[in-house]
């Protein structure tokens, strides 16, 4: 189940988030996946410019991202 749902060009996209930390980095980074709700395309992945020292803190910050910003990120990815 998606974390959020956004609409772009009359199509619904499910947004899934993940926290990723690569060794030896100390910070967790936010990664987003966008998938069309009708299953028409493969998911589009991107790293979102947000990081935190703890996974919990990162996910808490991610909750503050407005849907309009997620839609703008998706639009940039599809260009």
Protein backbone atom coordinates (compact mmCIF):
# COMPACT_ATOMS: atom_id res chain seq x y z
CA UNK A 1 0.00 0.00 0.00
CA UNK A 2 1.38 3.44 -0.90
CA UNK A 3 2.43 5.94 1.71
CA UNK A 4 0.75 8.76 -0.28
CA UNK A 5 -1.17 9.17 -3.53
CA UNK A 6 -0.59 12.14 -5.86
CA UNK A 7 -2.17 13.09 -9.17
CA UNK A 8 -0.30 14.22 -12.28
CA UNK A 9 -1.86 14.69 -15.72
CA UNK A 10 -5.12 13.02 -14.60
CA UNK A 11 -3.26 9.89 -13.47
CA UNK A 12 -2.90 8.70 -9.90
CA UNK A 13 0.54 7.74 -8.64
CA UNK A 14 1.26 5.84 -5.45
CA UNK A 15 4.27 7.11 -3.54
CA UNK A 16 6.33 4.78 -1.38
CA UNK A 17 9.22 5.94 0.79
CA UNK A 18 12.28 4.18 2.10
CA UNK A 19 15.16 5.14 4.36
CA UNK A 20 18.57 4.16 3.07
CA UNK A 21 21.99 4.34 4.68
CA UNK A 22 25.08 3.25 2.81
CA UNK A 23 28.23 2.19 4.64
CA UNK A 24 30.18 4.04 5.98
CA UNK A 25 27.79 7.03 5.86
CA UNK A 26 26.37 8.24 9.15
CA UNK A 27 23.19 9.77 7.73
CA UNK A 28 20.02 8.11 6.47
CA UNK A 29 18.67 9.40 3.13
CA UNK A 30 15.10 9.41 1.86
CA UNK A 31 14.32 7.46 -1.31
CA UNK A 32 10.95 7.75 -3.06
CA UNK A 33 9.24 5.40 -5.48
CA UNK A 34 6.41 6.59 -7.75
CA UNK A 35 4.17 3.98 -9.40
CA UNK A 36 1.08 4.59 -11.53
CA UNK A 37 -1.98 3.29 -9.70
CA UNK A 38 -3.31 1.52 -12.81
CA UNK A 39 -0.01 -0.36 -13.19
CA UNK A 40 0.70 1.25 -16.56
CA UNK A 41 4.39 1.93 -16.04
CA UNK A 42 7.36 0.72 -14.09
CA UNK A 43 8.10 2.52 -10.83
CA UNK A 44 10.30 5.60 -10.91
CA UNK A 45 12.84 5.89 -8.07
CA UNK A 46 14.65 8.98 -6.83
CA UNK A 47 16.62 10.16 -3.85
CA UNK A 48 14.88 13.06 -2.12
CA UNK A 49 17.13 15.82 -0.70
CA UNK A 50 16.49 14.99 2.94
CA UNK A 51 18.77 13.26 5.44
CA UNK A 52 18.97 12.62 9.17
CA UNK A 53 21.21 10.92 11.69
CA UNK A 54 18.44 8.45 12.66
CA UNK A 55 15.94 6.55 10.56
CA UNK A 56 13.05 7.59 12.82
CA UNK A 57 13.96 11.26 12.49
CA UNK A 58 14.15 10.96 8.71
CA UNK A 59 10.72 9.34 8.47
CA UNK A 60 9.28 11.98 10.78
CA UNK A 61 10.67 14.73 8.52
CA UNK A 62 9.28 12.96 5.46
CA UNK A 63 5.77 13.22 6.90
CA UNK A 64 6.08 17.01 6.59
CA UNK A 65 6.60 16.93 2.80
CA UNK A 66 3.48 18.39 1.13
CA UNK A 67 1.80 16.44 -1.68
CA UNK A 68 2.39 19.40 -4.01
CA UNK A 69 6.15 18.97 -3.56
CA UNK A 70 5.90 15.24 -4.30
CA UNK A 71 3.94 16.00 -7.46
CA UNK A 72 6.62 18.50 -8.54
CA UNK A 73 9.37 15.91 -7.96
CA UNK A 74 7.45 13.39 -10.07
CA UNK A 75 6.91 15.91 -12.86
CA UNK A 76 10.65 16.64 -12.95
CA UNK A 77 11.46 12.93 -13.12
CA UNK A 78 9.13 12.37 -16.07
CA UNK A 79 10.56 15.19 -18.19
